[in-house]
Amino acid sequence: MTDKKIADLSDKELLQQMNKLRNGKIIDSLIIGFSMGVVVYSAVNGFNIFTLSPFLIVYLIVKNSKNNKILEGEIKKEMESRRLTKKI
Protein backbone atom coordinates (compact mmCIF):
# COMPACT_ATOMS: atom_id res chain seq x y z
CA MET A 1 0.00 0.00 0.00
CA THR A 2 1.09 3.61 -0.35
CA ASP A 3 2.44 5.82 2.38
CA LYS A 4 -1.06 6.61 3.60
CA LYS A 5 -2.00 5.00 6.87
CA ILE A 6 -5.09 2.85 6.93
CA ALA A 7 -6.73 5.07 9.52
CA ASP A 8 -6.32 8.07 7.21
CA LEU A 9 -8.19 6.44 4.31
CA SER A 10 -11.77 7.42 3.57
CA ASP A 11 -14.55 4.86 3.69
CA LYS A 12 -14.62 4.59 -0.08
CA GLU A 13 -10.84 4.09 -0.25
CA LEU A 14 -11.04 1.32 2.37
CA LEU A 15 -13.65 -0.50 0.31
CA GLN A 16 -11.55 -0.05 -2.83
CA GLN A 17 -8.54 -1.56 -1.06
CA MET A 18 -10.63 -4.56 0.02
CA ASN A 19 -11.80 -5.04 -3.57
CA LYS A 20 -8.21 -4.85 -4.83
CA LEU A 21 -7.15 -7.50 -2.32
CA ARG A 22 -10.07 -9.75 -3.29
CA ASN A 23 -9.32 -9.38 -7.00
CA GLY A 24 -5.65 -10.06 -6.29
CA LYS A 25 -6.58 -13.34 -4.59
CA ILE A 26 -8.52 -14.46 -7.65
CA ILE A 27 -5.69 -13.58 -10.02
CA ASP A 28 -3.14 -15.30 -7.77
CA SER A 29 -5.27 -18.45 -7.73
CA LEU A 30 -5.49 -18.47 -11.51
CA ILE A 31 -1.73 -18.03 -11.88
CA ILE A 32 -1.02 -20.81 -9.39
CA GLY A 33 -3.43 -23.14 -11.18
CA PHE A 34 -1.89 -22.37 -14.56
CA SER A 35 1.63 -22.86 -13.16
CA MET A 36 0.73 -26.24 -11.70
CA GLY A 37 -0.77 -27.21 -15.05
CA VAL A 38 2.54 -26.33 -16.72
CA VAL A 39 4.41 -28.45 -14.18
CA VAL A 40 2.17 -31.46 -14.75
CA TYR A 41 2.28 -31.09 -18.53
CA SER A 42 6.05 -30.75 -18.66
CA ALA A 43 6.55 -33.61 -16.18
CA VAL A 44 4.47 -35.91 -18.39
CA ASN A 45 6.26 -34.84 -21.57
CA GLY A 46 9.79 -34.90 -20.18
CA PHE A 47 11.64 -32.85 -17.61
CA ASN A 48 13.06 -29.51 -18.70
CA ILE A 49 13.37 -25.95 -17.40
CA PHE A 50 9.59 -25.48 -17.48
CA THR A 51 9.10 -28.33 -15.04
CA LEU A 52 10.57 -26.56 -12.03
CA SER A 53 10.42 -22.85 -12.90
CA PRO A 54 6.70 -22.45 -12.02
CA PHE A 55 7.53 -23.35 -8.42
CA LEU A 56 9.42 -20.06 -8.17
CA ILE A 57 6.34 -18.18 -9.33
CA VAL A 58 4.16 -20.03 -6.81
CA TYR A 59 6.64 -19.28 -4.01
CA LEU A 60 6.60 -15.57 -4.81
CA ILE A 61 2.80 -15.47 -4.91
CA VAL A 62 2.46 -17.30 -1.59
CA LYS A 63 5.03 -15.02 0.03
CA ASN A 64 3.17 -11.94 -1.19
CA SER A 65 -0.19 -13.35 -0.09
CA LYS A 66 1.02 -13.49 3.52
CA ASN A 67 1.63 -9.73 3.41
CA ASN A 68 -1.76 -9.21 1.81
CA LYS A 69 -3.41 -11.27 4.55
CA ILE A 70 -1.92 -8.99 7.22
CA LEU A 71 -3.05 -5.90 5.30
CA GLU A 72 -6.53 -7.36 4.88
CA GLY A 73 -6.79 -7.97 8.62
CA GLU A 74 -5.86 -4.38 9.39
CA ILE A 75 -8.36 -3.05 6.87
CA LYS A 76 -11.11 -5.28 8.32
CA LYS A 77 -10.36 -3.99 11.83
CA GLU A 78 -10.60 -0.41 10.60
CA MET A 79 -13.85 -1.16 8.77
CA GLU A 80 -15.31 -2.74 11.90
CA SER A 81 -14.29 0.25 14.01
CA ARG A 82 -16.10 2.52 11.53
CA ARG A 83 -19.01 0.07 11.31
CA LEU A 84 -18.73 -0.15 7.54
CA THR A 85 -20.36 -2.78 5.46
CA LYS A 86 -18.99 -3.89 2.13
CA LYS A 87 -21.67 -1.95 0.28
CA ILE A 88 -21.25 1.75 -0.47
PDB file of N, CA and C in Angstrom:
ATOM      1  N   MET A   1       0.832  -1.168   0.000  1.00  0.00           N
ATOM      2  CA  MET A   1       0.000   0.000   0.000  1.00  0.00           C
ATOM      3  C   MET A   1       0.880   1.235   0.000  1.00  0.00           C
ATOM      4  N   THR A   2       0.311   2.382  -0.284  1.00  0.00           N
ATOM      5  CA  THR A   2       1.085   3.611  -0.353  1.00  0.00           C
ATOM      6  C   THR A   2       1.449   4.079   1.040  1.00  0.00           C
ATOM      7  N   ASP A   3       1.991   5.282   1.100  1.00  0.00           N
ATOM      8  CA  ASP A   3       2.443   5.820   2.376  1.00  0.00           C
ATOM      9  C   ASP A   3       1.295   6.215   3.303  1.00  0.00           C
ATOM     10  N   LYS A   4       0.082   6.268   2.766  1.00  0.00           N
ATOM     11  CA  LYS A   4      -1.064   6.612   3.601  1.00  0.00           C
ATOM     12  C   LYS A   4      -1.306   5.529   4.639  1.00  0.00           C
ATOM     13  N   LYS A   5      -1.636   5.961   5.838  1.00  0.00           N
ATOM     14  CA  LYS A   5      -2.000   4.999   6.869  1.00  0.00           C
ATOM     15  C   LYS A   5      -3.440   4.564   6.643  1.00  0.00           C
ATOM     16  N   ILE A   6      -3.750   3.397   7.113  1.00  0.00           N
ATOM     17  CA  ILE A   6      -5.085   2.851   6.925  1.00  0.00           C
ATOM     18  C   ILE A   6      -6.126   3.712   7.630  1.00  0.00           C
ATOM     19  N   ALA A   7      -5.784   4.241   8.780  1.00  0.00           N
ATOM     20  CA  ALA A   7      -6.731   5.072   9.523  1.00  0.00           C
ATOM     21  C   ALA A   7      -7.029   6.375   8.793  1.00  0.00           C
ATOM     22  N   ASP A   8      -6.126   6.817   7.926  1.00  0.00           N
ATOM     23  CA  ASP A   8      -6.320   8.074   7.206  1.00  0.00           C
ATOM     24  C   ASP A   8      -7.151   7.911   5.939  1.00  0.00           C
ATOM     25  N   LEU A   9      -7.432   6.679   5.537  1.00  0.00           N
ATOM     26  CA  LEU A   9      -8.194   6.445   4.313  1.00  0.00           C
ATOM     27  C   LEU A   9      -9.676   6.745   4.538  1.00  0.00           C
ATOM     28  N   SER A  10     -10.324   7.195   3.490  1.00  0.00           N
ATOM     29  CA  SER A  10     -11.765   7.416   3.571  1.00  0.00           C
ATOM     30  C   SER A  10     -12.476   6.066   3.498  1.00  0.00           C
ATOM     31  N   ASP A  11     -13.768   6.096   3.745  1.00  0.00           N
ATOM     32  CA  ASP A  11     -14.555   4.858   3.692  1.00  0.00           C
ATOM     33  C   ASP A  11     -14.500   4.241   2.302  1.00  0.00           C
ATOM     34  N   LYS A  12     -14.639   5.082   1.300  1.00  0.00           N
ATOM     35  CA  LYS A  12     -14.623   4.593  -0.081  1.00  0.00           C
ATOM     36  C   LYS A  12     -13.267   3.987  -0.432  1.00  0.00           C
ATOM     37  N   GLU A  13     -12.189   4.612   0.026  1.00  0.00           N
ATOM     38  CA  GLU A  13     -10.842   4.091  -0.247  1.00  0.00           C
ATOM     39  C   GLU A  13     -10.611   2.751   0.449  1.00  0.00           C
ATOM     40  N   LEU A  14     -11.150   2.605   1.668  1.00  0.00           N
ATOM     41  CA  LEU A  14     -11.043   1.318   2.366  1.00  0.00           C
ATOM     42  C   LEU A  14     -11.730   0.212   1.580  1.00  0.00           C
ATOM     43  N   LEU A  15     -12.919   0.498   1.088  1.00  0.00           N
ATOM     44  CA  LEU A  15     -13.652  -0.500   0.313  1.00  0.00           C
ATOM     45  C   LEU A  15     -12.929  -0.818  -0.994  1.00  0.00           C
ATOM     46  N   GLN A  16     -12.319   0.190  -1.609  1.00  0.00           N
ATOM     47  CA  GLN A  16     -11.550  -0.049  -2.825  1.00  0.00           C
ATOM     48  C   GLN A  16     -10.342  -0.933  -2.546  1.00  0.00           C
ATOM     49  N   GLN A  17      -9.685  -0.725  -1.421  1.00  0.00           N
ATOM     50  CA  GLN A  17      -8.540  -1.561  -1.058  1.00  0.00           C
ATOM     51  C   GLN A  17      -8.970  -3.010  -0.830  1.00  0.00           C
ATOM     52  N   MET A  18     -10.124  -3.195  -0.188  1.00  0.00           N
ATOM     53  CA  MET A  18     -10.626  -4.556   0.023  1.00  0.00           C
ATOM     54  C   MET A  18     -10.934  -5.230  -1.313  1.00  0.00           C
ATOM     55  N   ASN A  19     -11.507  -4.474  -2.247  1.00  0.00           N
ATOM     56  CA  ASN A  19     -11.799  -5.036  -3.567  1.00  0.00           C
ATOM     57  C   ASN A  19     -10.520  -5.392  -4.309  1.00  0.00           C
ATOM     58  N   LYS A  20      -9.490  -4.557  -4.191  1.00  0.00           N
ATOM     59  CA  LYS A  20      -8.205  -4.852  -4.829  1.00  0.00           C
ATOM     60  C   LYS A  20      -7.602  -6.139  -4.260  1.00  0.00           C
ATOM     61  N   LEU A  21      -7.685  -6.295  -2.947  1.00  0.00           N
ATOM     62  CA  LEU A  21      -7.147  -7.501  -2.321  1.00  0.00           C
ATOM     63  C   LEU A  21      -7.921  -8.739  -2.769  1.00  0.00           C
ATOM     64  N   ARG A  22      -9.243  -8.617  -2.851  1.00  0.00           N
ATOM     65  CA  ARG A  22     -10.067  -9.750  -3.286  1.00  0.00           C
ATOM     66  C   ARG A  22      -9.757 -10.115  -4.740  1.00  0.00           C
ATOM     67  N   ASN A  23      -9.649  -9.115  -5.597  1.00  0.00           N
ATOM     68  CA  ASN A  23      -9.316  -9.377  -6.995  1.00  0.00           C
ATOM     69  C   ASN A  23      -7.919  -9.976  -7.123  1.00  0.00           C
ATOM     70  N   GLY A  24      -7.004  -9.516  -6.288  1.00  0.00           N
ATOM     71  CA  GLY A  24      -5.652 -10.063  -6.292  1.00  0.00           C
ATOM     72  C   GLY A  24      -5.634 -11.539  -5.921  1.00  0.00           C
ATOM     73  N   LYS A  25      -6.489 -11.925  -4.973  1.00  0.00           N
ATOM     74  CA  LYS A  25      -6.579 -13.340  -4.587  1.00  0.00           C
ATOM     75  C   LYS A  25      -7.035 -14.200  -5.760  1.00  0.00           C
ATOM     76  N   ILE A  26      -8.004 -13.699  -6.506  1.00  0.00           N
ATOM     77  CA  ILE A  26      -8.523 -14.456  -7.649  1.00  0.00           C
ATOM     78  C   ILE A  26      -7.444 -14.604  -8.718  1.00  0.00           C
ATOM     79  N   ILE A  27      -6.751 -13.534  -9.009  1.00  0.00           N
ATOM     80  CA  ILE A  27      -5.693 -13.578 -10.023  1.00  0.00           C
ATOM     81  C   ILE A  27      -4.562 -14.502  -9.568  1.00  0.00           C
ATOM     82  N   ASP A  28      -4.188 -14.413  -8.294  1.00  0.00           N
ATOM     83  CA  ASP A  28      -3.140 -15.296  -7.772  1.00  0.00           C
ATOM     84  C   ASP A  28      -3.541 -16.759  -7.900  1.00  0.00           C
ATOM     85  N   SER A  29      -4.794 -17.067  -7.615  1.00  0.00           N
ATOM     86  CA  SER A  29      -5.269 -18.447  -7.729  1.00  0.00           C
ATOM     87  C   SER A  29      -5.198 -18.942  -9.167  1.00  0.00           C
ATOM     88  N   LEU A  30      -5.569 -18.087 -10.100  1.00  0.00           N
ATOM     89  CA  LEU A  30      -5.486 -18.471 -11.512  1.00  0.00           C
ATOM     90  C   LEU A  30      -4.047 -18.716 -11.954  1.00  0.00           C
ATOM     91  N   ILE A  31      -3.136 -17.860 -11.512  1.00  0.00           N
ATOM     92  CA  ILE A  31      -1.728 -18.025 -11.882  1.00  0.00           C
ATOM     93  C   ILE A  31      -1.159 -19.304 -11.282  1.00  0.00           C
ATOM     94  N   ILE A  32      -1.504 -19.589 -10.027  1.00  0.00           N
ATOM     95  CA  ILE A  32      -1.022 -20.812  -9.389  1.00  0.00           C
ATOM     96  C   ILE A  32      -1.566 -22.036 -10.113  1.00  0.00           C
ATOM     97  N   GLY A  33      -2.844 -22.016 -10.450  1.00  0.00           N
ATOM     98  CA  GLY A  33      -3.434 -23.142 -11.183  1.00  0.00           C
ATOM     99  C   GLY A  33      -2.776 -23.353 -12.528  1.00  0.00           C
ATOM    100  N   PHE A  34      -2.546 -22.266 -13.260  1.00  0.00           N
ATOM    101  CA  PHE A  34      -1.887 -22.366 -14.557  1.00  0.00           C
ATOM    102  C   PHE A  34      -0.458 -22.899 -14.398  1.00  0.00           C
ATOM    103  N   SER A  35       0.246 -22.415 -13.390  1.00  0.00           N
ATOM    104  CA  SER A  35       1.626 -22.864 -13.155  1.00  0.00           C
ATOM    105  C   SER A  35       1.679 -24.354 -12.829  1.00  0.00           C
ATOM    106  N   MET A  36       0.742 -24.816 -12.024  1.00  0.00           N
ATOM    107  CA  MET A  36       0.733 -26.239 -11.705  1.00  0.00           C
ATOM    108  C   MET A  36       0.372 -27.069 -12.932  1.00  0.00           C
ATOM    109  N   GLY A  37      -0.475 -26.528 -13.796  1.00  0.00           N
ATOM    110  CA  GLY A  37      -0.771 -27.207 -15.055  1.00  0.00           C
ATOM    111  C   GLY A  37       0.463 -27.331 -15.928  1.00  0.00           C
ATOM    112  N   VAL A  38       1.289 -26.286 -15.958  1.00  0.00           N
ATOM    113  CA  VAL A  38       2.542 -26.331 -16.721  1.00  0.00           C
ATOM    114  C   VAL A  38       3.481 -27.375 -16.137  1.00  0.00           C
ATOM    115  N   VAL A  39       3.548 -27.459 -14.825  1.00  0.00           N
ATOM    116  CA  VAL A  39       4.409 -28.450 -14.178  1.00  0.00           C
ATOM    117  C   VAL A  39       3.962 -29.855 -14.543  1.00  0.00           C
ATOM    118  N   VAL A  40       2.683 -30.120 -14.446  1.00  0.00           N
ATOM    119  CA  VAL A  40       2.174 -31.457 -14.748  1.00  0.00           C
ATOM    120  C   VAL A  40       2.407 -31.793 -16.221  1.00  0.00           C
ATOM    121  N   TYR A  41       2.110 -30.855 -17.098  1.00  0.00           N
ATOM    122  CA  TYR A  41       2.279 -31.094 -18.528  1.00  0.00           C
ATOM    123  C   TYR A  41       3.747 -31.370 -18.875  1.00  0.00           C
ATOM    124  N   SER A  42       4.644 -30.563 -18.329  1.00  0.00           N
ATOM    125  CA  SER A  42       6.055 -30.752 -18.663  1.00  0.00           C
ATOM    126  C   SER A  42       6.634 -31.990 -17.979  1.00  0.00           C
ATOM    127  N   ALA A  43       6.084 -32.395 -16.828  1.00  0.00           N
ATOM    128  CA  ALA A  43       6.553 -33.615 -16.179  1.00  0.00           C
ATOM    129  C   ALA A  43       6.135 -34.843 -16.987  1.00  0.00           C
ATOM    130  N   VAL A  44       4.957 -34.791 -17.576  1.00  0.00           N
ATOM    131  CA  VAL A  44       4.472 -35.909 -18.388  1.00  0.00           C
ATOM    132  C   VAL A  44       5.250 -36.006 -19.695  1.00  0.00           C
ATOM    133  N   ASN A  45       5.592 -34.868 -20.275  1.00  0.00           N
ATOM    134  CA  ASN A  45       6.258 -34.845 -21.572  1.00  0.00           C
ATOM    135  C   ASN A  45       7.777 -34.724 -21.480  1.00  0.00           C
ATOM    136  N   GLY A  46       8.342 -34.944 -20.340  1.00  0.00           N
ATOM    137  CA  GLY A  46       9.789 -34.900 -20.176  1.00  0.00           C
ATOM    138  C   GLY A  46      10.205 -33.703 -19.341  1.00  0.00           C
ATOM    139  N   PHE A  47      11.191 -33.909 -18.501  1.00  0.00           N
ATOM    140  CA  PHE A  47      11.644 -32.845 -17.612  1.00  0.00           C
ATOM    141  C   PHE A  47      12.514 -31.853 -18.382  1.00  0.00           C
ATOM    142  N   ASN A  48      12.245 -30.578 -18.151  1.00  0.00           N
ATOM    143  CA  ASN A  48      13.056 -29.511 -18.696  1.00  0.00           C
ATOM    144  C   ASN A  48      12.942 -28.302 -17.774  1.00  0.00           C
ATOM    145  N   ILE A  49      13.372 -27.148 -18.239  1.00  0.00           N
ATOM    146  CA  ILE A  49      13.365 -25.955 -17.397  1.00  0.00           C
ATOM    147  C   ILE A  49      11.953 -25.560 -16.976  1.00  0.00           C
ATOM    148  N   PHE A  50      10.953 -25.854 -17.800  1.00  0.00           N
ATOM    149  CA  PHE A  50       9.586 -25.480 -17.481  1.00  0.00           C
ATOM    150  C   PHE A  50       8.977 -26.369 -16.394  1.00  0.00           C
ATOM    151  N   THR A  51       9.623 -27.447 -16.067  1.00  0.00           N
ATOM    152  CA  THR A  51       9.098 -28.332 -15.037  1.00  0.00           C
ATOM    153  C   THR A  51       9.221 -27.706 -13.651  1.00  0.00           C
ATOM    154  N   LEU A  52      10.338 -27.071 -13.377  1.00  0.00           N
ATOM    155  CA  LEU A  52      10.575 -26.562 -12.028  1.00  0.00           C
ATOM    156  C   LEU A  52      10.417 -25.043 -11.900  1.00  0.00           C
ATOM    157  N   SER A  53      10.491 -24.308 -12.987  1.00  0.00           N
ATOM    158  CA  SER A  53      10.421 -22.847 -12.896  1.00  0.00           C
ATOM    159  C   SER A  53       9.087 -22.327 -12.358  1.00  0.00           C
ATOM    160  N   PRO A  54       7.947 -22.977 -12.607  1.00  0.00           N
ATOM    161  CA  PRO A  54       6.702 -22.450 -12.022  1.00  0.00           C
ATOM    162  C   PRO A  54       6.680 -22.486 -10.495  1.00  0.00           C
ATOM    163  N   PHE A  55       7.493 -23.328  -9.886  1.00  0.00           N
ATOM    164  CA  PHE A  55       7.533 -23.354  -8.423  1.00  0.00           C
ATOM    165  C   PHE A  55       8.049 -22.030  -7.869  1.00  0.00           C
ATOM    166  N   LEU A  56       8.943 -21.368  -8.590  1.00  0.00           N
ATOM    167  CA  LEU A  56       9.422 -20.057  -8.166  1.00  0.00           C
ATOM    168  C   LEU A  56       8.280 -19.045  -8.185  1.00  0.00           C
ATOM    169  N   ILE A  57       7.482 -19.090  -9.220  1.00  0.00           N
ATOM    170  CA  ILE A  57       6.336 -18.182  -9.328  1.00  0.00           C
ATOM    171  C   ILE A  57       5.359 -18.430  -8.176  1.00  0.00           C
ATOM    172  N   VAL A  58       5.084 -19.691  -7.895  1.00  0.00           N
ATOM    173  CA  VAL A  58       4.155 -20.033  -6.814  1.00  0.00           C
ATOM    174  C   VAL A  58       4.714 -19.560  -5.469  1.00  0.00           C
ATOM    175  N   TYR A  59       6.016 -19.732  -5.258  1.00  0.00           N
ATOM    176  CA  TYR A  59       6.644 -19.285  -4.013  1.00  0.00           C
ATOM    177  C   TYR A  59       6.472 -17.778  -3.829  1.00  0.00           C
ATOM    178  N   LEU A  60       6.719 -17.022  -4.892  1.00  0.00           N
ATOM    179  CA  LEU A  60       6.603 -15.568  -4.806  1.00  0.00           C
ATOM    180  C   LEU A  60       5.163 -15.136  -4.525  1.00  0.00           C
ATOM    181  N   ILE A  61       4.214 -15.809  -5.125  1.00  0.00           N
ATOM    182  CA  ILE A  61       2.805 -15.471  -4.906  1.00  0.00           C
ATOM    183  C   ILE A  61       2.400 -15.780  -3.467  1.00  0.00           C
ATOM    184  N   VAL A  62       2.816 -16.926  -2.959  1.00  0.00           N
ATOM    185  CA  VAL A  62       2.462 -17.304  -1.586  1.00  0.00           C
ATOM    186  C   VAL A  62       3.112 -16.347  -0.589  1.00  0.00           C
ATOM    187  N   LYS A  63       4.349 -15.963  -0.849  1.00  0.00           N
ATOM    188  CA  LYS A  63       5.034 -15.020   0.032  1.00  0.00           C
ATOM    189  C   LYS A  63       4.319 -13.677   0.051  1.00  0.00           C
ATOM    190  N   ASN A  64       3.892 -13.205  -1.107  1.00  0.00           N
ATOM    191  CA  ASN A  64       3.167 -11.937  -1.189  1.00  0.00           C
ATOM    192  C   ASN A  64       1.785 -12.044  -0.557  1.00  0.00           C
ATOM    193  N   SER A  65       1.161 -13.202  -0.642  1.00  0.00           N
ATOM    194  CA  SER A  65      -0.186 -13.347  -0.089  1.00  0.00           C
ATOM    195  C   SER A  65      -0.178 -13.265   1.439  1.00  0.00           C
ATOM    196  N   LYS A  66       0.927 -13.626   2.057  1.00  0.00           N
ATOM    197  CA  LYS A  66       1.022 -13.488   3.516  1.00  0.00           C
ATOM    198  C   LYS A  66       0.978 -12.013   3.910  1.00  0.00           C
ATOM    199  N   ASN A  67       1.672 -11.168   3.141  1.00  0.00           N
ATOM    200  CA  ASN A  67       1.631  -9.728   3.410  1.00  0.00           C
ATOM    201  C   ASN A  67       0.236  -9.177   3.159  1.00  0.00           C
ATOM    202  N   ASN A  68      -0.411  -9.666   2.114  1.00  0.00           N
ATOM    203  CA  ASN A  68      -1.764  -9.212   1.805  1.00  0.00           C
ATOM    204  C   ASN A  68      -2.751  -9.628   2.890  1.00  0.00           C
ATOM    205  N   LYS A  69      -2.527 -10.792   3.486  1.00  0.00           N
ATOM    206  CA  LYS A  69      -3.414 -11.265   4.547  1.00  0.00           C
ATOM    207  C   LYS A  69      -3.313 -10.348   5.772  1.00  0.00           C
ATOM    208  N   ILE A  70      -2.105  -9.913   6.088  1.00  0.00           N
ATOM    209  CA  ILE A  70      -1.918  -8.989   7.216  1.00  0.00           C
ATOM    210  C   ILE A  70      -2.609  -7.661   6.920  1.00  0.00           C
ATOM    211  N   LEU A  71      -2.418  -7.156   5.704  1.00  0.00           N
ATOM    212  CA  LEU A  71      -3.049  -5.902   5.303  1.00  0.00           C
ATOM    213  C   LEU A  71      -4.571  -6.016   5.329  1.00  0.00           C
ATOM    214  N   GLU A  72      -5.088  -7.144   4.876  1.00  0.00           N
ATOM    215  CA  GLU A  72      -6.534  -7.359   4.875  1.00  0.00           C
ATOM    216  C   GLU A  72      -7.083  -7.360   6.301  1.00  0.00           C
ATOM    217  N   GLY A  73      -6.359  -7.964   7.228  1.00  0.00           N
ATOM    218  CA  GLY A  73      -6.790  -7.974   8.622  1.00  0.00           C
ATOM    219  C   GLY A  73      -6.849  -6.580   9.208  1.00  0.00           C
ATOM    220  N   GLU A  74      -5.857  -5.753   8.882  1.00  0.00           N
ATOM    221  CA  GLU A  74      -5.856  -4.384   9.387  1.00  0.00           C
ATOM    222  C   GLU A  74      -6.996  -3.567   8.786  1.00  0.00           C
ATOM    223  N   ILE A  75      -7.259  -3.776   7.516  1.00  0.00           N
ATOM    224  CA  ILE A  75      -8.358  -3.054   6.874  1.00  0.00           C
ATOM    225  C   ILE A  75      -9.693  -3.493   7.469  1.00  0.00           C
ATOM    226  N   LYS A  76      -9.857  -4.794   7.718  1.00  0.00           N
ATOM    227  CA  LYS A  76     -11.105  -5.277   8.324  1.00  0.00           C
ATOM    228  C   LYS A  76     -11.317  -4.685   9.707  1.00  0.00           C
ATOM    229  N   LYS A  77     -10.236  -4.591  10.497  1.00  0.00           N
ATOM    230  CA  LYS A  77     -10.359  -3.992  11.829  1.00  0.00           C
ATOM    231  C   LYS A  77     -10.810  -2.539  11.726  1.00  0.00           C
ATOM    232  N   GLU A  78     -10.223  -1.805  10.777  1.00  0.00           N
ATOM    233  CA  GLU A  78     -10.598  -0.409  10.603  1.00  0.00           C
ATOM    234  C   GLU A  78     -12.045  -0.289  10.130  1.00  0.00           C
ATOM    235  N   MET A  79     -12.463  -1.185   9.251  1.00  0.00           N
ATOM    236  CA  MET A  79     -13.849  -1.156   8.771  1.00  0.00           C
ATOM    237  C   MET A  79     -14.820  -1.471   9.908  1.00  0.00           C
ATOM    238  N   GLU A  80     -14.450  -2.413  10.763  1.00  0.00           N
ATOM    239  CA  GLU A  80     -15.313  -2.743  11.895  1.00  0.00           C
ATOM    240  C   GLU A  80     -15.393  -1.582  12.877  1.00  0.00           C
ATOM    241  N   SER A  81     -14.269  -0.882  13.078  1.00  0.00           N
ATOM    242  CA  SER A  81     -14.290   0.247  14.008  1.00  0.00           C
ATOM    243  C   SER A  81     -15.142   1.390  13.470  1.00  0.00           C
ATOM    244  N   ARG A  82     -15.243   1.497  12.143  1.00  0.00           N
ATOM    245  CA  ARG A  82     -16.097   2.518  11.529  1.00  0.00           C
ATOM    246  C   ARG A  82     -17.500   2.005  11.264  1.00  0.00           C
ATOM    247  N   ARG A  83     -17.713   0.729  11.533  1.00  0.00           N
ATOM    248  CA  ARG A  83     -19.013   0.066  11.309  1.00  0.00           C
ATOM    249  C   ARG A  83     -19.430   0.138   9.837  1.00  0.00           C
ATOM    250  N   LEU A  84     -18.467  -0.144   8.990  1.00  0.00           N
ATOM    251  CA  LEU A  84     -18.729  -0.152   7.545  1.00  0.00           C
ATOM    252  C   LEU A  84     -19.177  -1.518   7.104  1.00  0.00           C
ATOM    253  N   THR A  85     -20.049  -1.526   6.135  1.00  0.00           N
ATOM    254  CA  THR A  85     -20.361  -2.778   5.458  1.00  0.00           C
ATOM    255  C   THR A  85     -19.627  -2.755   4.143  1.00  0.00           C
ATOM    256  N   LYS A  86     -19.705  -3.823   3.398  1.00  0.00           N
ATOM    257  CA  LYS A  86     -18.990  -3.894   2.127  1.00  0.00           C
ATOM    258  C   LYS A  86     -19.744  -3.204   1.000  1.00  0.00           C
ATOM    259  N   LYS A  87     -20.887  -2.619   1.311  1.00  0.00           N
ATOM    260  CA  LYS A  87     -21.671  -1.949   0.279  1.00  0.00           C
ATOM    261  C   LYS A  87     -21.651  -0.435   0.509  1.00  0.00           C
ATOM    262  N   ILE A  88     -21.153   0.285  -0.451  1.00  0.00           N
ATOM    263  CA  ILE A  88     -21.246   1.754  -0.474  1.00  0.00           C
ATOM    264  C   ILE A  88     -21.246   2.171  -1.899  1.00  0.00           C
TER     265      ILE A  88
END
